[in-house]
Amino acid sequence: MANETEKLLIIGGSDAGISAALKAKELKPELKVQILLADEYPNLSICGIPYAVSGEVPDWHLLAHRNLQELTSTGIEFQMNMIADKIEPQRHEVVAHALTGELKTYHYDHLVVATGARPKLSGIKGVDLAQAQQQDSKVRILHTMADYFAIERNIATDSVRKVAIVGSGYIGIEMAEALRKRHLDVTIFQRGSEILSTVDADLGRIIHQKLSANAVNVITGLTVSEINETGSNVEVVGLNEHQKTQSSTYDLVLIVVGVQPNNELLVKVGAETGIAGAIEVDQYMQTSLPDIWAAVKSKMLV
């Protein structure tokens, strides 16, 4: 980077984006570093949200690895509530919009795309990401601070007593524990024969027993196929191991069935992809596009 006017633009202000920004400023303090952030919460531990729900983290502000003052004191500039819409590699520009709808164009010399992952909802009829983000929805995901605030609003009301969790990975189990600490009736669904399918089945059985001992209703061998939200409750419909339909109703449903690469910005402009659609990068995390790096990879280019 030859002169002081060079600019590093970063899309995404979670761990990867912040780490890239801090390292860039450390190596070249005069570099202009700007981060486009879709909300107002940079560098928060999203994985810690279940512990904020449970109350073990008494103040959600404590989820921050570094506060905004610490980050901006390094010279990093933030553009809050700014959502990137498209990258124009030939012009070295990113077009973004504010929550007010205002469009803005950002020039870069070098670009880091650190948009991470987005929730996986495919295969479940009757629900989509836009619906789960509506203020009055009784179907929620757990991916951003906005999701946390929405869940808090839901469970703060007397109308929410029965909660279903679709997905029994780490986050699903942590949320089951958190919601039991809030004295709610919790049911957790797992499509496989045992919960926490990423570990040995014997360990999964032990955790299953521990959940049951703490009054969490664990249902395995049922694939949730449909979620129907009505004015008063949410119906969860699934197929059991015998391909028979089962349904039950809840006051609130959380969907935590995993994530997929949030790669649309780069795919649209021709970046090469690999396993599961993740962006391919070389050993320096550079994509197949000039002057563009990505924070995640599936397979290194050689």
C-alpha atoms as a PDB file:
ATOM      1  CA  MET A   1       0.000   0.000   0.000  1.00  0.00           C
ATOM      2  CA  ALA A   2       1.840   3.020  -1.328  1.00  0.00           C
ATOM      3  CA  ASN A   3       0.256   6.106   0.172  1.00  0.00           C
ATOM      4  CA  GLU A   4      -1.800   7.488   3.024  1.00  0.00           C
ATOM      5  CA  THR A   5      -4.962   7.799   0.963  1.00  0.00           C
ATOM      6  CA  GLU A   6      -5.342   4.061   0.457  1.00  0.00           C
ATOM      7  CA  LYS A   7      -8.494   2.666   1.965  1.00  0.00           C
ATOM      8  CA  LEU A   8      -9.401  -0.713   3.374  1.00  0.00           C
ATOM      9  CA  LEU A   9     -13.165  -1.263   3.412  1.00  0.00           C
ATOM     10  CA  ILE A  10     -14.614  -4.089   5.508  1.00  0.00           C
ATOM     11  CA  ILE A  11     -18.159  -5.413   5.262  1.00  0.00           C
ATOM     12  CA  GLY A  12     -19.152  -6.879   8.626  1.00  0.00           C
ATOM     13  CA  GLY A  13     -18.253  -5.904  12.176  1.00  0.00           C
ATOM     14  CA  SER A  14     -18.210  -9.188  14.042  1.00  0.00           C
ATOM     15  CA  ASP A  15     -15.047 -11.025  15.129  1.00  0.00           C
ATOM     16  CA  ALA A  16     -13.559 -11.564  11.666  1.00  0.00           C
ATOM     17  CA  GLY A  17     -14.148  -8.021  10.419  1.00  0.00           C
ATOM     18  CA  ILE A  18     -12.911  -6.431  13.628  1.00  0.00           C
ATOM     19  CA  SER A  19      -9.826  -8.668  13.729  1.00  0.00           C
ATOM     20  CA  ALA A  20      -8.946  -7.715  10.155  1.00  0.00           C
ATOM     21  CA  ALA A  21      -9.419  -4.024  10.937  1.00  0.00           C
ATOM     22  CA  LEU A  22      -7.291  -4.101  14.088  1.00  0.00           C
ATOM     23  CA  LYS A  23      -4.477  -6.028  12.419  1.00  0.00           C
ATOM     24  CA  ALA A  24      -4.481  -3.669   9.433  1.00  0.00           C
ATOM     25  CA  LYS A  25      -4.224  -0.616  11.703  1.00  0.00           C
ATOM     26  CA  GLU A  26      -1.472  -2.305  13.710  1.00  0.00           C
ATOM     27  CA  LEU A  27       0.591  -3.036  10.610  1.00  0.00           C
ATOM     28  CA  LYS A  28      -0.095   0.278   8.864  1.00  0.00           C
ATOM     29  CA  PRO A  29      -1.491   2.933  11.239  1.00  0.00           C
ATOM     30  CA  GLU A  30      -1.903   5.534   8.477  1.00  0.00           C
ATOM     31  CA  LEU A  31      -4.237   3.249   6.494  1.00  0.00           C
ATOM     32  CA  LYS A  32      -7.845   4.427   6.314  1.00  0.00           C
ATOM     33  CA  VAL A  33      -9.984   1.570   7.634  1.00  0.00           C
ATOM     34  CA  GLN A  34     -13.754   1.738   7.395  1.00  0.00           C
ATOM     35  CA  ILE A  35     -16.309  -0.877   8.479  1.00  0.00           C
ATOM     36  CA  LEU A  36     -19.853  -1.186   7.170  1.00  0.00           C
ATOM     37  CA  LEU A  37     -21.987  -2.579   9.988  1.00  0.00           C
ATOM     38  CA  ALA A  38     -25.567  -3.767   9.464  1.00  0.00           C
ATOM     39  CA  ASP A  39     -26.542  -2.806  13.033  1.00  0.00           C
ATOM     40  CA  GLU A  40     -25.070  -0.840  15.963  1.00  0.00           C
ATOM     41  CA  TYR A  41     -23.314  -3.658  17.813  1.00  0.00           C
ATOM     42  CA  PRO A  42     -19.723  -4.241  16.692  1.00  0.00           C
ATOM     43  CA  ASN A  43     -17.608  -7.048  18.131  1.00  0.00           C
ATOM     44  CA  LEU A  44     -20.300  -8.609  20.325  1.00  0.00           C
ATOM     45  CA  SER A  45     -20.159 -12.277  21.280  1.00  0.00           C
ATOM     46  CA  ILE A  46     -23.298 -13.540  19.561  1.00  0.00           C
ATOM     47  CA  CYS A  47     -22.518 -17.023  20.884  1.00  0.00           C
ATOM     48  CA  GLY A  48     -23.012 -15.602  24.370  1.00  0.00           C
ATOM     49  CA  ILE A  49     -26.633 -14.606  23.772  1.00  0.00           C
ATOM     50  CA  PRO A  50     -28.069 -17.694  25.546  1.00  0.00           C
ATOM     51  CA  TYR A  51     -26.235 -16.615  28.697  1.00  0.00           C
ATOM     52  CA  ALA A  52     -27.720 -13.140  28.427  1.00  0.00           C
ATOM     53  CA  VAL A  53     -31.163 -14.749  28.093  1.00  0.00           C
ATOM     54  CA  SER A  54     -30.535 -16.898  31.177  1.00  0.00           C
ATOM     55  CA  GLY A  55     -29.295 -13.916  33.201  1.00  0.00           C
ATOM     56  CA  GLU A  56     -25.837 -15.405  33.769  1.00  0.00           C
ATOM     57  CA  VAL A  57     -24.593 -12.423  31.766  1.00  0.00           C
ATOM     58  CA  PRO A  58     -26.512  -9.743  33.685  1.00  0.00           C
ATOM     59  CA  ASP A  59     -26.114  -6.974  31.090  1.00  0.00           C
ATOM     60  CA  TRP A  60     -25.983  -7.653  27.344  1.00  0.00           C
ATOM     61  CA  HIS A  61     -23.368  -4.901  26.963  1.00  0.00           C
ATOM     62  CA  LEU A  62     -20.946  -7.324  28.643  1.00  0.00           C
ATOM     63  CA  LEU A  63     -21.112  -9.491  25.512  1.00  0.00           C
ATOM     64  CA  ALA A  64     -18.839  -6.970  23.787  1.00  0.00           C
ATOM     65  CA  HIS A  65     -15.233  -8.060  23.345  1.00  0.00           C
ATOM     66  CA  ARG A  66     -14.345  -4.373  22.964  1.00  0.00           C
ATOM     67  CA  ASN A  67     -16.619  -1.371  23.268  1.00  0.00           C
ATOM     68  CA  LEU A  68     -17.073   1.186  20.512  1.00  0.00           C
ATOM     69  CA  GLN A  69     -14.817   3.746  22.173  1.00  0.00           C
ATOM     70  CA  GLU A  70     -11.960   1.232  22.344  1.00  0.00           C
ATOM     71  CA  LEU A  71     -12.408   0.368  18.682  1.00  0.00           C
ATOM     72  CA  THR A  72     -12.659   3.912  17.358  1.00  0.00           C
ATOM     73  CA  SER A  73      -9.650   4.985  19.432  1.00  0.00           C
ATOM     74  CA  THR A  74      -7.532   2.874  17.055  1.00  0.00           C
ATOM     75  CA  GLY A  75      -8.671   5.012  14.128  1.00  0.00           C
ATOM     76  CA  ILE A  76     -11.199   2.541  12.733  1.00  0.00           C
ATOM     77  CA  GLU A  77     -14.259   4.276  11.272  1.00  0.00           C
ATOM     78  CA  PHE A  78     -17.724   2.732  11.509  1.00  0.00           C
ATOM     79  CA  GLN A  79     -20.723   3.230   9.253  1.00  0.00           C
ATOM     80  CA  MET A  80     -23.567   1.910  11.452  1.00  0.00           C
ATOM     81  CA  ASN A  81     -26.912   0.539  10.226  1.00  0.00           C
ATOM     82  CA  MET A  82     -25.519   0.310   6.728  1.00  0.00           C
ATOM     83  CA  ILE A  83     -26.318  -2.787   4.676  1.00  0.00           C
ATOM     84  CA  ALA A  84     -24.132  -3.647   1.686  1.00  0.00           C
ATOM     85  CA  ASP A  85     -26.178  -4.352  -1.450  1.00  0.00           C
ATOM     86  CA  LYS A  86     -23.603  -5.009  -4.141  1.00  0.00           C
ATOM     87  CA  ILE A  87     -19.911  -4.981  -4.950  1.00  0.00           C
ATOM     88  CA  GLU A  88     -18.613  -3.455  -8.165  1.00  0.00           C
ATOM     89  CA  PRO A  89     -15.097  -4.970  -8.475  1.00  0.00           C
ATOM     90  CA  GLN A  90     -14.078  -3.089 -11.631  1.00  0.00           C
ATOM     91  CA  ARG A  91     -14.882   0.266 -10.047  1.00  0.00           C
ATOM     92  CA  HIS A  92     -13.646  -0.801  -6.584  1.00  0.00           C
ATOM     93  CA  GLU A  93     -16.932   0.284  -5.036  1.00  0.00           C
ATOM     94  CA  VAL A  94     -19.579  -1.068  -2.695  1.00  0.00           C
ATOM     95  CA  VAL A  95     -23.152   0.167  -2.866  1.00  0.00           C
ATOM     96  CA  ALA A  96     -25.014   0.080   0.446  1.00  0.00           C
ATOM     97  CA  HIS A  97     -28.247   1.379   1.930  1.00  0.00           C
ATOM     98  CA  ALA A  98     -29.110   2.836   5.302  1.00  0.00           C
ATOM     99  CA  LEU A  99     -32.138   1.692   7.299  1.00  0.00           C
ATOM    100  CA  THR A 100     -33.814   4.906   6.112  1.00  0.00           C
ATOM    101  CA  GLY A 101     -33.446   3.667   2.527  1.00  0.00           C
ATOM    102  CA  GLU A 102     -30.738   6.162   1.562  1.00  0.00           C
ATOM    103  CA  LEU A 103     -28.185   4.724  -0.883  1.00  0.00           C
ATOM    104  CA  LYS A 104     -24.488   5.376  -0.491  1.00  0.00           C
ATOM    105  CA  THR A 105     -21.414   4.314  -2.466  1.00  0.00           C
ATOM    106  CA  TYR A 106     -18.093   3.499  -0.786  1.00  0.00           C
ATOM    107  CA  HIS A 107     -14.798   3.373  -2.665  1.00  0.00           C
ATOM    108  CA  TYR A 108     -12.070   0.933  -1.627  1.00  0.00           C
ATOM    109  CA  ASP A 109      -8.538   0.039  -2.595  1.00  0.00           C
ATOM    110  CA  HIS A 110      -8.833  -3.250  -0.751  1.00  0.00           C
ATOM    111  CA  LEU A 111     -11.991  -4.975   0.424  1.00  0.00           C
ATOM    112  CA  VAL A 112     -12.574  -7.584   3.136  1.00  0.00           C
ATOM    113  CA  VAL A 113     -15.947  -9.343   3.083  1.00  0.00           C
ATOM    114  CA  ALA A 114     -16.652 -10.622   6.588  1.00  0.00           C
ATOM    115  CA  THR A 115     -20.374 -11.269   6.349  1.00  0.00           C
ATOM    116  CA  GLY A 116     -20.105 -14.656   8.069  1.00  0.00           C
ATOM    117  CA  ALA A 117     -23.109 -16.976   7.896  1.00  0.00           C
ATOM    118  CA  ARG A 118     -26.874 -16.700   7.841  1.00  0.00           C
ATOM    119  CA  PRO A 119     -29.472 -18.974   9.456  1.00  0.00           C
ATOM    120  CA  LYS A 120     -30.481 -22.096   7.579  1.00  0.00           C
ATOM    121  CA  LEU A 121     -34.263 -22.319   7.232  1.00  0.00           C
ATOM    122  CA  SER A 122     -34.635 -24.412   4.069  1.00  0.00           C
ATOM    123  CA  GLY A 123     -36.872 -27.437   4.312  1.00  0.00           C
ATOM    124  CA  ILE A 124     -39.269 -25.889   6.833  1.00  0.00           C
ATOM    125  CA  LYS A 125     -42.505 -24.822   5.177  1.00  0.00           C
ATOM    126  CA  GLY A 126     -44.285 -21.727   6.408  1.00  0.00           C
ATOM    127  CA  VAL A 127     -41.343 -19.731   7.734  1.00  0.00           C
ATOM    128  CA  ASP A 128     -38.686 -17.470   6.256  1.00  0.00           C
ATOM    129  CA  LEU A 129     -36.067 -15.054   7.513  1.00  0.00           C
ATOM    130  CA  ALA A 130     -38.166 -11.966   6.862  1.00  0.00           C
ATOM    131  CA  GLN A 131     -41.051 -13.380   8.890  1.00  0.00           C
ATOM    132  CA  ALA A 132     -38.784 -14.286  11.802  1.00  0.00           C
ATOM    133  CA  GLN A 133     -37.523 -10.701  11.892  1.00  0.00           C
ATOM    134  CA  GLN A 134     -40.967  -9.084  12.184  1.00  0.00           C
ATOM    135  CA  GLN A 135     -41.512  -7.395  15.527  1.00  0.00           C
ATOM    136  CA  ASP A 136     -44.701  -9.282  16.414  1.00  0.00           C
ATOM    137  CA  SER A 137     -43.601 -12.710  15.188  1.00  0.00           C
ATOM    138  CA  LYS A 138     -43.776 -15.718  17.487  1.00  0.00           C
ATOM    139  CA  VAL A 139     -41.170 -17.522  15.371  1.00  0.00           C
ATOM    140  CA  ARG A 140     -37.600 -16.486  16.082  1.00  0.00           C
ATOM    141  CA  ILE A 141     -34.068 -17.300  15.041  1.00  0.00           C
ATOM    142  CA  LEU A 142     -30.983 -16.494  17.103  1.00  0.00           C
ATOM    143  CA  HIS A 143     -28.353 -14.790  15.002  1.00  0.00           C
ATOM    144  CA  THR A 144     -28.102 -11.078  15.786  1.00  0.00           C
ATOM    145  CA  MET A 145     -28.621  -8.704  18.679  1.00  0.00           C
ATOM    146  CA  ALA A 146     -31.952  -7.748  17.111  1.00  0.00           C
ATOM    147  CA  ASP A 147     -32.994 -11.391  17.514  1.00  0.00           C
ATOM    148  CA  TYR A 148     -31.939 -11.284  21.166  1.00  0.00           C
ATOM    149  CA  PHE A 149     -33.983  -8.151  21.839  1.00  0.00           C
ATOM    150  CA  ALA A 150     -36.995  -9.684  20.068  1.00  0.00           C
ATOM    151  CA  ILE A 151     -36.780 -12.886  22.123  1.00  0.00           C
ATOM    152  CA  GLU A 152     -36.523 -10.848  25.306  1.00  0.00           C
ATOM    153  CA  ARG A 153     -39.670  -8.943  24.335  1.00  0.00           C
ATOM    154  CA  ASN A 154     -41.459 -12.218  23.665  1.00  0.00           C
ATOM    155  CA  ILE A 155     -40.587 -14.001  26.890  1.00  0.00           C
ATOM    156  CA  ALA A 156     -41.142 -10.905  29.024  1.00  0.00           C
ATOM    157  CA  THR A 157     -44.883 -11.229  28.372  1.00  0.00           C
ATOM    158  CA  ASP A 158     -47.191 -13.439  30.434  1.00  0.00           C
ATOM    159  CA  SER A 159     -48.557 -14.957  27.210  1.00  0.00           C
ATOM    160  CA  VAL A 160     -45.379 -16.959  26.555  1.00  0.00           C
ATOM    161  CA  ARG A 161     -45.126 -20.094  28.685  1.00  0.00           C
ATOM    162  CA  LYS A 162     -44.487 -22.921  26.211  1.00  0.00           C
ATOM    163  CA  VAL A 163     -41.430 -22.645  23.953  1.00  0.00           C
ATOM    164  CA  ALA A 164     -40.266 -25.032  21.229  1.00  0.00           C
ATOM    165  CA  ILE A 165     -36.657 -25.154  20.041  1.00  0.00           C
ATOM    166  CA  VAL A 166     -36.101 -26.666  16.604  1.00  0.00           C
ATOM    167  CA  GLY A 167     -32.540 -27.960  16.526  1.00  0.00           C
ATOM    168  CA  SER A 168     -30.469 -29.563  19.270  1.00  0.00           C
ATOM    169  CA  GLY A 169     -26.964 -28.425  18.497  1.00  0.00           C
ATOM    170  CA  TYR A 170     -24.918 -26.335  20.903  1.00  0.00           C
ATOM    171  CA  ILE A 171     -27.062 -23.206  20.624  1.00  0.00           C
ATOM    172  CA  GLY A 172     -30.315 -25.151  20.893  1.00  0.00           C
ATOM    173  CA  ILE A 173     -29.148 -26.873  24.076  1.00  0.00           C
ATOM    174  CA  GLU A 174     -27.815 -23.630  25.556  1.00  0.00           C
ATOM    175  CA  MET A 175     -31.135 -21.911  24.823  1.00  0.00           C
ATOM    176  CA  ALA A 176     -33.068 -24.790  26.403  1.00  0.00           C
ATOM    177  CA  GLU A 177     -31.036 -24.329  29.572  1.00  0.00           C
ATOM    178  CA  ALA A 178     -31.464 -20.540  29.458  1.00  0.00           C
ATOM    179  CA  LEU A 179     -35.224 -20.690  29.012  1.00  0.00           C
ATOM    180  CA  ARG A 180     -35.621 -23.201  31.833  1.00  0.00           C
ATOM    181  CA  LYS A 181     -33.776 -20.708  34.044  1.00  0.00           C
ATOM    182  CA  ARG A 182     -36.502 -18.260  33.028  1.00  0.00           C
ATOM    183  CA  HIS A 183     -39.065 -20.840  34.260  1.00  0.00           C
ATOM    184  CA  LEU A 184     -40.531 -21.586  30.843  1.00  0.00           C
ATOM    185  CA  ASP A 185     -41.869 -24.915  29.575  1.00  0.00           C
ATOM    186  CA  VAL A 186     -39.313 -26.011  26.966  1.00  0.00           C
ATOM    187  CA  THR A 187     -39.475 -28.680  24.242  1.00  0.00           C
ATOM    188  CA  ILE A 188     -36.485 -29.337  22.004  1.00  0.00           C
ATOM    189  CA  PHE A 189     -36.760 -31.163  18.657  1.00  0.00           C
ATOM    190  CA  GLN A 190     -34.030 -33.224  17.005  1.00  0.00           C
ATOM    191  CA  ARG A 191     -34.456 -35.006  13.671  1.00  0.00           C
ATOM    192  CA  GLY A 192     -31.769 -37.600  14.410  1.00  0.00           C
ATOM    193  CA  SER A 193     -31.866 -40.435  16.878  1.00  0.00           C
ATOM    194  CA  GLU A 194     -29.977 -38.486  19.536  1.00  0.00           C
ATOM    195  CA  ILE A 195     -29.306 -34.852  20.362  1.00  0.00           C
ATOM    196  CA  LEU A 196     -26.036 -33.065  19.649  1.00  0.00           C
ATOM    197  CA  SER A 197     -25.270 -35.154  16.577  1.00  0.00           C
ATOM    198  CA  THR A 198     -21.740 -33.739  16.236  1.00  0.00           C
ATOM    199  CA  VAL A 199     -20.544 -35.737  19.252  1.00  0.00           C
ATOM    200  CA  ASP A 200     -20.459 -39.434  20.127  1.00  0.00           C
ATOM    201  CA  ALA A 201     -23.967 -40.868  20.645  1.00  0.00           C
ATOM    202  CA  ASP A 202     -23.100 -41.995  24.177  1.00  0.00           C
ATOM    203  CA  LEU A 203     -22.259 -38.409  25.150  1.00  0.00           C
ATOM    204  CA  GLY A 204     -25.412 -37.187  23.438  1.00  0.00           C
ATOM    205  CA  ARG A 205     -27.427 -39.636  25.539  1.00  0.00           C
ATOM    206  CA  ILE A 206     -25.883 -38.315  28.742  1.00  0.00           C
ATOM    207  CA  ILE A 207     -26.765 -34.732  27.789  1.00  0.00           C
ATOM    208  CA  HIS A 208     -30.254 -35.895  26.794  1.00  0.00           C
ATOM    209  CA  GLN A 209     -30.716 -37.399  30.254  1.00  0.00           C
ATOM    210  CA  LYS A 210     -29.433 -34.232  31.920  1.00  0.00           C
ATOM    211  CA  LEU A 211     -31.901 -32.108  29.942  1.00  0.00           C
ATOM    212  CA  SER A 212     -34.766 -34.419  30.867  1.00  0.00           C
ATOM    213  CA  ALA A 213     -33.738 -34.315  34.519  1.00  0.00           C
ATOM    214  CA  ASN A 214     -34.081 -30.535  34.337  1.00  0.00           C
ATOM    215  CA  ALA A 215     -37.610 -30.712  32.908  1.00  0.00           C
ATOM    216  CA  VAL A 216     -36.720 -30.113  29.236  1.00  0.00           C
ATOM    217  CA  ASN A 217     -38.957 -32.206  26.974  1.00  0.00           C
ATOM    218  CA  VAL A 218     -36.618 -33.771  24.392  1.00  0.00           C
ATOM    219  CA  ILE A 219     -38.161 -35.193  21.199  1.00  0.00           C
ATOM    220  CA  THR A 220     -35.797 -37.085  18.902  1.00  0.00           C
ATOM    221  CA  GLY A 221     -36.412 -38.803  15.578  1.00  0.00           C
ATOM    222  CA  LEU A 222     -38.779 -36.086  14.352  1.00  0.00           C
ATOM    223  CA  THR A 223     -38.083 -33.842  11.369  1.00  0.00           C
ATOM    224  CA  VAL A 224     -39.910 -30.530  11.610  1.00  0.00           C
ATOM    225  CA  SER A 225     -41.418 -29.916   8.175  1.00  0.00           C
ATOM    226  CA  GLU A 226     -43.821 -27.042   8.739  1.00  0.00           C
ATOM    227  CA  ILE A 227     -44.405 -24.167  11.150  1.00  0.00           C
ATOM    228  CA  ASN A 228     -47.730 -22.343  11.115  1.00  0.00           C
ATOM    229  CA  GLU A 229     -48.033 -19.100  13.027  1.00  0.00           C
ATOM    230  CA  THR A 230     -51.520 -17.978  14.019  1.00  0.00           C
ATOM    231  CA  GLY A 231     -52.677 -14.998  16.031  1.00  0.00           C
ATOM    232  CA  SER A 232     -52.360 -16.767  19.368  1.00  0.00           C
ATOM    233  CA  ASN A 233     -49.814 -19.574  18.970  1.00  0.00           C
ATOM    234  CA  VAL A 234     -47.502 -21.498  16.664  1.00  0.00           C
ATOM    235  CA  GLU A 235     -48.115 -25.003  15.345  1.00  0.00           C
ATOM    236  CA  VAL A 236     -45.058 -27.200  14.829  1.00  0.00           C
ATOM    237  CA  VAL A 237     -45.612 -30.062  12.373  1.00  0.00           C
ATOM    238  CA  GLY A 238     -43.140 -32.867  11.794  1.00  0.00           C
ATOM    239  CA  LEU A 239     -42.619 -36.390  10.483  1.00  0.00           C
ATOM    240  CA  ASN A 240     -41.472 -39.069  12.909  1.00  0.00           C
ATOM    241  CA  GLU A 241     -39.285 -42.062  12.121  1.00  0.00           C
ATOM    242  CA  HIS A 242     -42.338 -43.967  10.890  1.00  0.00           C
ATOM    243  CA  GLN A 243     -43.253 -41.127   8.493  1.00  0.00           C
ATOM    244  CA  LYS A 244     -46.326 -40.274  10.522  1.00  0.00           C
ATOM    245  CA  THR A 245     -47.291 -36.643  11.030  1.00  0.00           C
ATOM    246  CA  GLN A 246     -47.173 -35.186  14.517  1.00  0.00           C
ATOM    247  CA  SER A 247     -48.131 -31.666  15.536  1.00  0.00           C
ATOM    248  CA  SER A 248     -48.193 -29.567  18.694  1.00  0.00           C
ATOM    249  CA  THR A 249     -48.658 -25.902  19.546  1.00  0.00           C
ATOM    250  CA  TYR A 250     -46.456 -23.431  21.412  1.00  0.00           C
ATOM    251  CA  ASP A 251     -46.412 -19.791  22.415  1.00  0.00           C
ATOM    252  CA  LEU A 252     -42.975 -19.222  20.877  1.00  0.00           C
ATOM    253  CA  VAL A 253     -40.734 -21.197  18.508  1.00  0.00           C
ATOM    254  CA  LEU A 254     -36.960 -20.755  18.139  1.00  0.00           C
ATOM    255  CA  ILE A 255     -35.289 -22.161  15.014  1.00  0.00           C
ATOM    256  CA  VAL A 256     -31.610 -23.020  15.426  1.00  0.00           C
ATOM    257  CA  VAL A 257     -30.962 -25.686  12.799  1.00  0.00           C
ATOM    258  CA  GLY A 258     -27.594 -24.377  11.653  1.00  0.00           C
ATOM    259  CA  VAL A 259     -26.146 -21.817   9.270  1.00  0.00           C
ATOM    260  CA  GLN A 260     -24.989 -21.473   5.685  1.00  0.00           C
ATOM    261  CA  PRO A 261     -22.426 -19.142   4.090  1.00  0.00           C
ATOM    262  CA  ASN A 262     -23.651 -15.566   3.743  1.00  0.00           C
ATOM    263  CA  ASN A 263     -21.902 -15.285   0.407  1.00  0.00           C
ATOM    264  CA  GLU A 264     -24.381 -13.628  -1.946  1.00  0.00           C
ATOM    265  CA  LEU A 265     -22.431 -10.394  -2.373  1.00  0.00           C
ATOM    266  CA  LEU A 266     -19.388 -12.251  -3.667  1.00  0.00           C
ATOM    267  CA  VAL A 267     -21.223 -14.938  -5.631  1.00  0.00           C
ATOM    268  CA  LYS A 268     -23.128 -12.285  -7.587  1.00  0.00           C
ATOM    269  CA  VAL A 269     -19.854 -10.829  -8.882  1.00  0.00           C
ATOM    270  CA  GLY A 270     -18.318 -14.160  -9.814  1.00  0.00           C
ATOM    271  CA  ALA A 271     -16.193 -15.203  -6.831  1.00  0.00           C
ATOM    272  CA  GLU A 272     -15.311 -18.884  -6.914  1.00  0.00           C
ATOM    273  CA  THR A 273     -16.992 -21.096  -4.352  1.00  0.00           C
ATOM    274  CA  GLY A 274     -16.264 -24.515  -2.879  1.00  0.00           C
ATOM    275  CA  ILE A 275     -17.764 -26.898  -0.350  1.00  0.00           C
ATOM    276  CA  ALA A 276     -21.274 -25.946   0.801  1.00  0.00           C
ATOM    277  CA  GLY A 277     -21.055 -22.715  -1.200  1.00  0.00           C
ATOM    278  CA  ALA A 278     -18.304 -21.167   0.922  1.00  0.00           C
ATOM    279  CA  ILE A 279     -16.015 -18.687  -0.824  1.00  0.00           C
ATOM    280  CA  GLU A 280     -12.681 -20.130  -1.940  1.00  0.00           C
ATOM    281  CA  VAL A 281      -9.553 -18.235  -0.932  1.00  0.00           C
ATOM    282  CA  ASP A 282      -5.801 -18.693  -1.127  1.00  0.00           C
ATOM    283  CA  GLN A 283      -3.402 -18.946   1.815  1.00  0.00           C
ATOM    284  CA  TYR A 284      -3.684 -15.182   2.294  1.00  0.00           C
ATOM    285  CA  MET A 285      -7.518 -15.310   2.386  1.00  0.00           C
ATOM    286  CA  GLN A 286      -7.715 -13.582  -1.010  1.00  0.00           C
ATOM    287  CA  THR A 287     -10.649 -14.514  -3.227  1.00  0.00           C
ATOM    288  CA  SER A 288     -10.540 -15.105  -6.969  1.00  0.00           C
ATOM    289  CA  LEU A 289     -11.504 -11.432  -7.408  1.00  0.00           C
ATOM    290  CA  PRO A 290      -8.806  -8.709  -7.468  1.00  0.00           C
ATOM    291  CA  ASP A 291      -8.224  -6.800  -4.208  1.00  0.00           C
ATOM    292  CA  ILE A 292     -10.988  -8.686  -2.380  1.00  0.00           C
ATOM    293  CA  TRP A 293     -10.457 -10.906   0.640  1.00  0.00           C
ATOM    294  CA  ALA A 294     -12.974 -13.062   2.514  1.00  0.00           C
ATOM    295  CA  ALA A 295     -12.970 -14.087   6.141  1.00  0.00           C
ATOM    296  CA  VAL A 296     -14.160 -17.661   5.596  1.00  0.00           C
ATOM    297  CA  LYS A 297     -13.106 -20.395   3.219  1.00  0.00           C
ATOM    298  CA  SER A 298     -13.898 -23.964   2.279  1.00  0.00           C
ATOM    299  CA  LYS A 299     -10.871 -24.925   0.207  1.00  0.00           C
ATOM    300  CA  MET A 300      -7.656 -23.103  -0.606  1.00  0.00           C
ATOM    301  CA  LEU A 301      -6.892 -22.250  -4.185  1.00  0.00           C
ATOM    302  CA  VAL A 302      -3.487 -23.478  -5.354  1.00  0.00           C
END
